[in-house]
Amino acid sequence: MTDEKPDDLTQPDDGTFFEQSDRRLFLKQSLAVAGLTLSPLSFLKTAEPDADEAPFGNAEKVSFNLSINGKKHRLSTDPRTTLLDLLREQLGLTGTKKGCDFGQCGACTVHVDGQRVLACLSFAVMQNGRKITTIEGLAKGDRLHPMQEAFIKHDGFQCGYCTPGQLMSAVSCVREGRANSEADIQEYMSGNLCRCGAYPNIVKAILDVKTGGQNA
């Protein structure tokens, strides 16, 4: 017997070496996490030497024009602001809902120059000069849009959170000629999720508008 440490450190005699090693590793990881939490983002961000990317922080606001629900707006906002946040936070048009904020649920669907767009994935400044229609602009005063009437008739909503996005996509579905069958509608509307499961009624509402020859 000798007092020397075993050459094979993966098989220590009493486990003391591993306990110390694990403790040191834990302390190192804890310090690393603390460093990541406290460090400014600029130190954490890896960039190419010639990168011309603007530094993270308060960016200079950009001015631009939008027509929203038939009303012209001169706006100024951070260039990183999404169309969704502009509508909700700056203009108070909260009918357009923030669901996943990743473009996966369809709750934020609006129309840009007549085409459906996910507002959470669109920078507001990129829409300069365009015409935006939100759920608030779908009806004509007190007169509901035919699609809104059809949703009421066929009970196409339950909790109602996804309904604004569903309606905007449903209008586009008919307008673009994609409502020729239940299968076509289901395919087109697949990007709009409904946790309540009102899908069959939504399809019926869209078919009603389509077969009724109503102008979407």
Protein backbone atom coordinates (compact mmCIF):
# COMPACT_ATOMS: atom_id res chain seq x y z
CA MET A 1 0.00 0.00 0.00
CA THR A 2 1.20 3.51 -0.80
CA ASP A 3 -0.14 6.95 0.01
CA GLU A 4 -0.05 8.01 -3.66
CA LYS A 5 -3.28 9.01 -5.38
CA PRO A 6 -4.55 6.50 -7.90
CA ASP A 7 -3.45 7.10 -11.46
CA ASP A 8 -6.98 6.47 -12.70
CA LEU A 9 -8.80 9.54 -11.38
CA THR A 10 -12.12 8.20 -12.60
CA GLN A 11 -11.97 5.54 -9.89
CA PRO A 12 -10.88 7.32 -6.65
CA ASP A 13 -10.58 5.32 -3.45
CA ASP A 14 -13.07 7.24 -1.32
CA GLY A 15 -14.89 9.63 -3.63
CA THR A 16 -13.25 12.70 -2.13
CA PHE A 17 -11.72 13.80 -5.43
CA PHE A 18 -15.07 13.75 -7.25
CA GLU A 19 -16.83 15.60 -4.43
CA GLN A 20 -14.26 18.39 -4.58
CA SER A 21 -14.35 18.45 -8.36
CA ASP A 22 -18.14 18.65 -8.46
CA ARG A 23 -18.10 21.44 -5.90
CA ARG A 24 -15.57 23.42 -7.92
CA LEU A 25 -17.60 22.85 -11.10
CA PHE A 26 -20.76 23.99 -9.36
CA LEU A 27 -19.07 27.16 -8.12
CA LYS A 28 -17.67 27.90 -11.57
CA GLN A 29 -21.08 27.44 -13.19
CA SER A 30 -22.73 29.60 -10.54
CA LEU A 31 -20.23 32.39 -11.14
CA ALA A 32 -20.70 32.07 -14.90
CA VAL A 33 -24.48 32.35 -14.62
CA ALA A 34 -24.12 35.33 -12.28
CA GLY A 35 -21.76 36.95 -14.75
CA LEU A 36 -24.18 36.45 -17.61
CA THR A 37 -26.97 37.96 -15.54
CA LEU A 38 -24.99 41.04 -14.53
CA SER A 39 -22.99 41.67 -17.69
CA PRO A 40 -24.21 44.30 -20.17
CA LEU A 41 -25.67 42.78 -23.31
CA SER A 42 -22.98 44.48 -25.41
CA PHE A 43 -20.33 42.30 -23.72
CA LEU A 44 -22.30 39.14 -24.38
CA LYS A 45 -22.95 39.85 -28.02
CA THR A 46 -20.48 38.49 -30.54
CA ALA A 47 -20.01 40.66 -33.60
CA GLU A 48 -17.75 40.75 -36.58
CA PRO A 49 -15.00 43.40 -36.43
CA ASP A 50 -16.54 45.27 -39.37
CA ALA A 51 -20.13 44.89 -38.21
CA ASP A 52 -22.15 48.06 -38.80
CA GLU A 53 -24.97 46.89 -36.57
CA ALA A 54 -26.37 49.59 -34.30
CA PRO A 55 -25.59 49.08 -30.61
CA PHE A 56 -28.33 47.72 -28.40
CA GLY A 57 -30.16 50.41 -26.46
CA ASN A 58 -32.44 53.32 -27.19
CA ALA A 59 -32.55 53.79 -30.94
CA GLU A 60 -33.37 57.07 -32.63
CA LYS A 61 -37.05 57.23 -33.50
CA VAL A 62 -38.14 57.09 -37.11
CA SER A 63 -41.04 59.06 -38.57
CA PHE A 64 -43.38 57.53 -41.13
CA ASN A 65 -46.95 57.62 -42.44
CA LEU A 66 -49.72 55.05 -42.19
CA SER A 67 -53.35 54.93 -43.16
CA ILE A 68 -55.14 52.93 -40.49
CA ASN A 69 -58.81 52.08 -40.93
CA GLY A 70 -59.15 54.95 -43.38
CA LYS A 71 -57.50 57.53 -41.14
CA LYS A 72 -54.07 58.96 -41.93
CA HIS A 73 -51.45 58.98 -39.20
CA ARG A 74 -48.04 60.64 -38.93
CA LEU A 75 -46.13 58.49 -36.49
CA SER A 76 -42.75 58.36 -34.82
CA THR A 77 -41.44 55.25 -33.11
CA ASP A 78 -38.44 53.09 -32.35
CA PRO A 79 -37.55 51.25 -35.60
CA ARG A 80 -37.70 47.93 -33.74
CA THR A 81 -41.35 48.41 -32.77
CA THR A 82 -43.63 45.81 -34.30
CA LEU A 83 -46.82 46.76 -36.05
CA LEU A 84 -48.70 44.90 -33.32
CA ASP A 85 -47.17 46.95 -30.51
CA LEU A 86 -47.68 50.17 -32.44
CA LEU A 87 -51.37 49.42 -32.90
CA ARG A 88 -51.96 48.34 -29.32
CA GLU A 89 -49.61 50.52 -27.29
CA GLN A 90 -49.33 53.71 -29.29
CA LEU A 91 -52.71 53.91 -31.02
CA GLY A 92 -54.91 52.08 -28.53
CA LEU A 93 -56.29 49.67 -31.14
CA THR A 94 -56.40 46.71 -28.79
CA GLY A 95 -58.78 44.62 -30.89
CA THR A 96 -55.71 43.12 -32.55
CA LYS A 97 -54.56 40.58 -29.98
CA LYS A 98 -51.11 39.59 -28.80
CA GLY A 99 -51.09 35.82 -28.47
CA CYS A 100 -47.83 33.96 -28.95
CA ASP A 101 -45.85 36.96 -30.28
CA PHE A 102 -43.97 34.48 -32.50
CA GLY A 103 -46.26 34.35 -35.55
CA GLN A 104 -47.70 30.96 -34.67
CA CYS A 105 -51.24 31.66 -33.42
CA GLY A 106 -52.69 34.20 -35.86
CA ALA A 107 -54.37 36.33 -33.17
CA CYS A 108 -52.59 39.46 -34.44
CA THR A 109 -53.71 39.16 -38.08
CA VAL A 110 -54.41 42.46 -39.84
CA HIS A 111 -54.68 43.54 -43.48
CA VAL A 112 -51.89 45.51 -45.13
CA ASP A 113 -52.92 46.85 -48.53
CA GLY A 114 -55.65 44.21 -48.54
CA GLN A 115 -53.34 41.26 -47.74
CA ARG A 116 -53.36 39.46 -44.41
CA VAL A 117 -50.25 40.01 -42.35
CA LEU A 118 -49.09 38.86 -38.93
CA ALA A 119 -48.60 42.13 -37.07
CA CYS A 120 -46.27 40.61 -34.48
CA LEU A 121 -43.75 39.71 -37.21
CA SER A 122 -43.91 43.04 -39.04
CA PHE A 123 -41.91 46.13 -38.15
CA ALA A 124 -44.15 49.18 -38.10
CA VAL A 125 -41.70 51.39 -40.01
CA MET A 126 -41.63 48.88 -42.88
CA GLN A 127 -45.29 49.65 -43.57
CA ASN A 128 -44.63 53.29 -44.41
CA GLY A 129 -47.28 54.65 -46.77
CA ARG A 130 -49.42 51.51 -46.65
CA LYS A 131 -53.07 51.04 -45.76
CA ILE A 132 -53.70 49.04 -42.60
CA THR A 133 -57.06 47.54 -41.67
CA THR A 134 -57.60 46.15 -38.18
CA ILE A 135 -60.63 44.47 -36.68
CA GLU A 136 -61.85 47.91 -35.59
CA GLY A 137 -62.08 48.94 -39.25
CA LEU A 138 -63.91 45.86 -40.51
CA ALA A 139 -67.42 47.10 -39.75
CA LYS A 140 -68.91 50.21 -41.36
CA GLY A 141 -70.08 52.19 -38.40
CA ASP A 142 -72.89 50.26 -36.70
CA ARG A 143 -73.21 47.92 -39.69
CA LEU A 144 -71.28 44.72 -39.17
CA HIS A 145 -69.20 43.16 -41.90
CA PRO A 146 -70.91 40.09 -43.46
CA MET A 147 -68.20 37.88 -41.96
CA GLN A 148 -68.88 39.24 -38.50
CA GLU A 149 -72.57 38.54 -38.94
CA ALA A 150 -71.80 35.01 -40.13
CA PHE A 151 -69.59 34.35 -37.09
CA ILE A 152 -72.47 35.39 -34.84
CA LYS A 153 -74.96 33.32 -36.80
CA HIS A 154 -72.83 30.15 -36.68
CA ASP A 155 -71.34 30.71 -33.22
CA GLY A 156 -67.85 30.96 -34.66
CA PHE A 157 -66.34 32.12 -31.40
CA GLN A 158 -66.37 31.14 -27.74
CA CYS A 159 -63.92 32.97 -25.49
CA GLY A 160 -63.37 35.43 -28.33
CA TYR A 161 -59.66 36.05 -27.88
CA CYS A 162 -58.68 34.62 -31.26
CA THR A 163 -61.78 36.00 -33.02
CA PRO A 164 -60.27 39.25 -34.38
CA GLY A 165 -57.47 37.33 -36.10
CA GLN A 166 -59.89 34.63 -37.26
CA LEU A 167 -62.17 37.24 -38.81
CA MET A 168 -59.36 39.04 -40.62
CA SER A 169 -58.08 35.77 -42.07
CA ALA A 170 -61.61 34.62 -42.93
CA VAL A 171 -62.23 37.79 -44.92
CA SER A 172 -58.97 37.23 -46.82
CA CYS A 173 -59.89 33.60 -47.40
CA VAL A 174 -63.03 34.59 -49.32
CA ARG A 175 -61.42 37.59 -50.97
CA GLU A 176 -58.54 35.52 -52.35
CA GLY A 177 -60.83 32.77 -53.67
CA ARG A 178 -59.64 30.17 -51.18
CA ALA A 179 -63.08 29.28 -49.77
CA ASN A 180 -64.23 26.84 -52.45
CA SER A 181 -64.49 23.87 -50.09
CA GLU A 182 -64.18 22.96 -46.43
CA ALA A 183 -60.75 21.48 -47.09
CA ASP A 184 -59.57 24.68 -48.81
CA ILE A 185 -60.82 26.79 -45.91
CA GLN A 186 -59.21 24.54 -43.31
CA GLU A 187 -55.91 24.73 -45.13
CA TYR A 188 -56.03 28.52 -45.49
CA MET A 189 -57.11 29.07 -41.88
CA SER A 190 -54.61 26.63 -40.40
CA GLY A 191 -52.42 29.47 -39.15
CA ASN A 192 -55.18 30.78 -36.88
CA LEU A 193 -55.44 28.76 -33.69
CA CYS A 194 -58.53 28.49 -31.49
CA ARG A 195 -58.06 26.99 -28.03
CA CYS A 196 -61.83 26.65 -27.67
CA GLY A 197 -62.06 24.45 -30.76
CA ALA A 198 -64.64 26.45 -32.71
CA TYR A 199 -63.12 25.40 -36.03
CA PRO A 200 -66.22 23.67 -37.53
CA ASN A 201 -68.35 26.74 -36.85
CA ILE A 202 -65.73 29.06 -38.29
CA VAL A 203 -65.67 26.99 -41.49
CA LYS A 204 -69.47 27.15 -41.69
CA ALA A 205 -69.39 30.93 -41.28
CA ILE A 206 -66.86 31.33 -44.10
CA LEU A 207 -68.82 29.02 -46.39
CA ASP A 208 -71.97 31.00 -45.61
CA VAL A 209 -70.35 34.24 -46.75
CA LYS A 210 -68.86 32.55 -49.81
CA THR A 211 -72.05 30.81 -50.96
CA GLY A 212 -74.16 33.84 -50.13
CA GLY A 213 -72.15 35.86 -52.61
CA GLN A 214 -71.53 38.56 -50.00
CA ASN A 215 -68.69 40.95 -50.59
CA ALA A 216 -65.81 40.13 -48.29
